[in-house]
Structure formats: C-alpha cells, structure tokens
C-alpha cells in the first residue's frame, strides 16, 4: 500500500459569496479555505471559484498557498445563488491533459436561485471531469441539502453539515486531511494473475 503522489491531487474550492453569506459566514468560509491550504501537502494544486449572481474564477490552479490566500481576501458577498453554474465552472478548471485525483470542495448556505444551468448539467460536468464533490452545507432556511446530496451522490462524494460558521475551519481541515491521506492498494488477483489497484 503506497501513498498517492501529492502532485497528482487537484482541488477546486468553491465558495458561496451570495448576499446571505455576508459578514461572519463569508469570513469564516475564507478562514476555512486558509485552514484547508495549511493542511494539504505541499505541492497540491488548488484553484478557487466564487459565486453570487454568477460564478467567477478567484484563482486558477496553483501550488502556492500564499498566492491563493491573497486572492481569497478579495471575495465580497452580493447577489443571489448561482450554485449549479459555479460547479460547472469549477469542473472546467481541471486541465484535460493532466491525469490526477480530482475533488471539488463547496461551501454554501443556500439552494440555487440563479443558475442558467441545471443540477443535471452540473453533475454531468463534474462526472466528465472525474471530480468528486464534497459539499459543506451551512444550515439555513434557504439550504437545499437534498440537491447537494444528489450532486455528491452522482460523483461519489459526500455532504457535510456545517451548522456553525465558526466550525468551518475544522471541517475543512478534516476534508484536507482525508484527501491528502488517500492510498493506493495493489493486490494480485487469483483469477487473472494480474496486479489490480484501488484508491482509498
């Protein structure tokens, strides 16, 4: 059993910057992203996408945590929630010619209210990119965990409840640790005599 190489891990952080995230929730999300960057192994490629009325690329892929942290500072909360479009944009950040373990980590406090694309289109984009979705839901009256469960299920990902914005950093640290500590298990099949492998 061997650890998967760090440079084969690519992560897109997707941060809800709609109006309902103004103040403490958005600041907590930014701090949590910083905690994530501090936890992943050096060399991990990380990009960031924000969204309000529409998605926007905060930073392309970089292995420089300080550059990405600086880019995150400028995110401001405004508008509605184009969540599905943001996930589609996140999926498109992954380079087509660079095989890697791919993950999208989303934090949001609301259901989609603005996207031009559908949940199905977002799920298809993530599947085409080979990216699993980990969704952190800040529970509010506007949250739509059922939709996120569908998206995560379609990609082999998970949904995590984040009832307290102040606890987001710990949640992100746990996600980063889990992603960084995946392993490849190699075994020899008794049927064909050929090595097989699985990641976990």
Protein backbone atom coordinates (compact mmCIF):
# COMPACT_ATOMS: atom_id res chain seq x y z
CA UNK A 1 0.00 0.00 0.00
CA UNK A 2 1.54 3.29 -1.09
CA UNK A 3 0.57 6.91 -0.69
CA UNK A 4 -0.64 8.59 -3.84
CA UNK A 5 1.76 11.30 -5.07
CA UNK A 6 0.94 14.81 -3.89
CA UNK A 7 1.32 16.37 -7.31
CA UNK A 8 -1.47 14.08 -8.56
CA UNK A 9 -4.05 15.83 -6.34
CA UNK A 10 -6.09 18.73 -7.75
CA UNK A 11 -8.77 20.52 -5.73
CA UNK A 12 -11.14 23.35 -6.62
CA UNK A 13 -12.54 25.27 -3.65
CA UNK A 14 -16.00 26.68 -4.44
CA UNK A 15 -17.18 29.44 -2.09
CA UNK A 16 -20.72 30.80 -1.87
CA UNK A 17 -20.46 34.60 -1.99
CA UNK A 18 -24.17 35.34 -2.33
CA UNK A 19 -25.75 38.09 -0.23
CA UNK A 20 -26.87 35.70 2.50
CA UNK A 21 -23.21 34.87 3.21
CA UNK A 22 -22.33 38.50 4.04
CA UNK A 23 -20.43 39.08 7.26
CA UNK A 24 -19.40 36.25 9.55
CA UNK A 25 -20.34 33.31 7.24
CA UNK A 26 -18.19 34.51 4.34
CA UNK A 27 -15.30 35.48 6.60
CA UNK A 28 -15.50 32.03 8.19
CA UNK A 29 -15.50 30.42 4.74
CA UNK A 30 -12.36 32.36 3.77
CA UNK A 31 -10.65 31.37 7.01
CA UNK A 32 -11.67 27.76 6.45
CA UNK A 33 -10.13 27.87 2.98
CA UNK A 34 -6.92 29.09 4.60
CA UNK A 35 -7.06 26.17 7.04
CA UNK A 36 -7.53 23.82 4.10
CA UNK A 37 -4.45 25.21 2.34
CA UNK A 38 -2.41 24.85 5.52
CA UNK A 39 -3.43 21.20 5.88
CA UNK A 40 -2.95 19.78 2.37
CA UNK A 41 0.50 18.53 1.48
CA UNK A 42 3.00 20.89 -0.20
CA UNK A 43 2.68 20.75 -3.97
CA UNK A 44 -1.07 20.17 -4.01
CA UNK A 45 -2.69 22.06 -6.89
CA UNK A 46 -5.63 24.16 -5.68
CA UNK A 47 -7.92 26.57 -7.54
CA UNK A 48 -10.84 28.66 -6.26
CA UNK A 49 -14.22 29.68 -7.69
CA UNK A 50 -16.70 32.06 -6.05
CA UNK A 51 -20.32 32.68 -6.92
CA UNK A 52 -23.18 35.06 -6.31
CA UNK A 53 -25.39 36.04 -9.24
CA UNK A 54 -22.86 34.23 -11.42
CA UNK A 55 -19.66 32.25 -10.88
CA UNK A 56 -16.20 33.80 -11.11
CA UNK A 57 -12.72 32.33 -11.00
CA UNK A 58 -10.90 33.61 -7.92
CA UNK A 59 -7.65 31.83 -8.78
CA UNK A 60 -6.54 29.26 -11.36
CA UNK A 61 -4.64 26.21 -10.16
CA UNK A 62 -1.59 27.00 -8.09
CA UNK A 63 0.65 25.18 -5.63
CA UNK A 64 1.38 28.49 -3.86
CA UNK A 65 -0.90 28.72 -0.79
CA UNK A 66 0.04 32.35 -0.09
CA UNK A 67 -0.99 33.46 -3.58
CA UNK A 68 -4.32 31.69 -3.30
CA UNK A 69 -4.95 33.05 0.20
CA UNK A 70 -4.31 36.56 -1.08
CA UNK A 71 -6.81 36.04 -3.90
CA UNK A 72 -9.48 34.81 -1.47
CA UNK A 73 -9.31 38.05 0.53
CA UNK A 74 -11.00 39.99 -2.26
CA UNK A 75 -14.20 37.92 -2.36
CA UNK A 76 -17.24 40.00 -1.41
CA UNK A 77 -20.80 38.81 -0.75
CA UNK A 78 -23.56 40.03 -3.03
CA UNK A 79 -26.44 38.82 -5.15
CA UNK A 80 -28.24 35.51 -5.39
CA UNK A 81 -27.01 31.91 -5.59
CA UNK A 82 -25.79 30.51 -8.93
CA UNK A 83 -24.63 27.26 -7.33
CA UNK A 84 -25.09 24.86 -10.27
CA UNK A 85 -23.31 27.21 -12.69
CA UNK A 86 -20.46 27.56 -10.18
CA UNK A 87 -19.96 23.80 -10.00
CA UNK A 88 -19.91 23.63 -13.79
CA UNK A 89 -17.24 26.36 -13.90
CA UNK A 90 -15.29 24.54 -11.19
CA UNK A 91 -15.33 21.32 -13.22
CA UNK A 92 -13.95 23.19 -16.23
CA UNK A 93 -10.89 24.33 -14.27
CA UNK A 94 -9.35 20.86 -14.37
CA UNK A 95 -6.83 20.56 -17.24
CA UNK A 96 -7.78 17.92 -19.79
CA UNK A 97 -4.22 16.66 -20.26
CA UNK A 98 -3.20 16.21 -16.61
CA UNK A 99 -4.43 12.95 -15.05
CA UNK A 100 -4.94 13.39 -11.32
CA UNK A 101 -7.16 12.69 -8.36
CA UNK A 102 -9.71 15.47 -8.58
CA UNK A 103 -12.01 16.96 -5.98
CA UNK A 104 -14.37 19.92 -5.68
CA UNK A 105 -14.97 21.25 -2.16
CA UNK A 106 -18.04 23.50 -1.88
CA UNK A 107 -19.33 25.62 0.98
CA UNK A 108 -22.82 27.12 0.66
CA UNK A 109 -25.69 28.24 2.86
CA UNK A 110 -28.48 28.19 0.28
CA UNK A 111 -30.14 26.42 -2.59
CA UNK A 112 -29.69 27.52 -6.19
CA UNK A 113 -31.75 30.59 -7.14
CA UNK A 114 -29.93 31.99 -10.17
CA UNK A 115 -28.20 29.43 -12.39
CA UNK A 116 -28.89 29.21 -16.10
CA UNK A 117 -27.78 25.57 -16.00
CA UNK A 118 -29.46 22.69 -14.21
CA UNK A 119 -28.46 20.34 -11.40
CA UNK A 120 -28.15 17.60 -14.00
CA UNK A 121 -25.77 19.72 -16.10
CA UNK A 122 -23.60 20.42 -13.05
CA UNK A 123 -23.50 16.72 -12.15
CA UNK A 124 -22.56 15.82 -15.72
CA UNK A 125 -19.75 18.41 -15.76
CA UNK A 126 -18.30 17.02 -12.53
CA UNK A 127 -18.56 13.46 -13.81
CA UNK A 128 -16.90 14.38 -17.12
CA UNK A 129 -14.04 15.97 -15.17
CA UNK A 130 -13.73 12.90 -12.93
CA UNK A 131 -14.15 15.09 -9.84
CA UNK A 132 -15.83 14.08 -6.61
CA UNK A 133 -17.89 16.71 -4.78
CA UNK A 134 -17.60 17.34 -1.06
CA UNK A 135 -20.32 19.82 -0.10
CA UNK A 136 -20.29 21.63 3.24
CA UNK A 137 -23.77 22.96 4.00
CA UNK A 138 -24.30 25.87 6.38
CA UNK A 139 -27.83 25.11 7.54
CA UNK A 140 -30.33 27.95 6.96
CA UNK A 141 -33.96 28.17 5.87
CA UNK A 142 -32.68 28.55 2.30
CA UNK A 143 -30.41 25.49 2.30
CA UNK A 144 -31.13 22.66 -0.15
CA UNK A 145 -29.27 19.62 1.20
CA UNK A 146 -31.32 17.23 -0.94
CA UNK A 147 -29.97 18.80 -4.14
CA UNK A 148 -26.41 18.65 -2.82
CA UNK A 149 -26.93 15.01 -1.82
CA UNK A 150 -27.90 14.27 -5.42
CA UNK A 151 -24.84 16.06 -6.76
CA UNK A 152 -22.48 14.42 -4.30
CA UNK A 153 -24.02 11.00 -4.90
CA UNK A 154 -23.54 11.37 -8.65
CA UNK A 155 -19.81 11.91 -8.16
CA UNK A 156 -19.08 9.51 -5.30
CA UNK A 157 -18.74 12.46 -2.92
CA UNK A 158 -20.26 13.45 0.40
CA UNK A 159 -22.31 16.17 2.07
CA UNK A 160 -21.15 17.53 5.43
CA UNK A 161 -23.35 19.60 7.75
CA UNK A 162 -21.74 22.82 8.96
CA UNK A 163 -24.28 24.27 11.37
CA UNK A 164 -21.83 26.79 12.87
CA UNK A 165 -19.73 29.05 10.59
CA UNK A 166 -17.10 29.23 13.33
CA UNK A 167 -16.54 25.48 13.00
CA UNK A 168 -15.85 25.59 9.25
CA UNK A 169 -12.06 25.66 9.66
CA UNK A 170 -12.13 22.34 11.49
CA UNK A 171 -14.40 20.83 8.84
CA UNK A 172 -12.08 21.97 6.04
CA UNK A 173 -9.01 20.69 7.88
CA UNK A 174 -10.65 17.26 8.16
CA UNK A 175 -11.52 17.26 4.45
CA UNK A 176 -7.97 18.28 3.50
CA UNK A 177 -6.50 15.57 5.71
CA UNK A 178 -8.78 12.96 4.17
CA UNK A 179 -7.85 13.98 0.62
CA UNK A 180 -4.14 14.11 1.42
CA UNK A 181 -4.09 10.69 3.05
CA UNK A 182 -5.63 8.59 0.31
CA UNK A 183 -3.71 5.43 -0.56
CA UNK A 184 -3.33 3.05 -3.49
CA UNK A 185 -3.73 -0.60 -2.53
CA UNK A 186 -2.12 -3.01 -5.00
CA UNK A 187 -3.03 -6.70 -4.94
CA UNK A 188 -2.66 -9.74 -7.20
CA UNK A 189 -5.87 -11.35 -8.37
CA UNK A 190 -6.03 -15.13 -8.06
CA UNK A 191 -8.20 -15.21 -11.19
CA UNK A 192 -6.09 -13.50 -13.81
CA UNK A 193 -2.75 -13.25 -12.04
CA UNK A 194 -2.52 -9.57 -12.92
CA UNK A 195 -1.99 -6.80 -10.34
CA UNK A 196 -5.00 -4.67 -9.59
CA UNK A 197 -5.19 -1.44 -7.63
CA UNK A 198 -7.72 0.65 -5.79
CA UNK A 199 -7.51 4.07 -4.15
CA UNK A 200 -8.94 4.96 -0.79
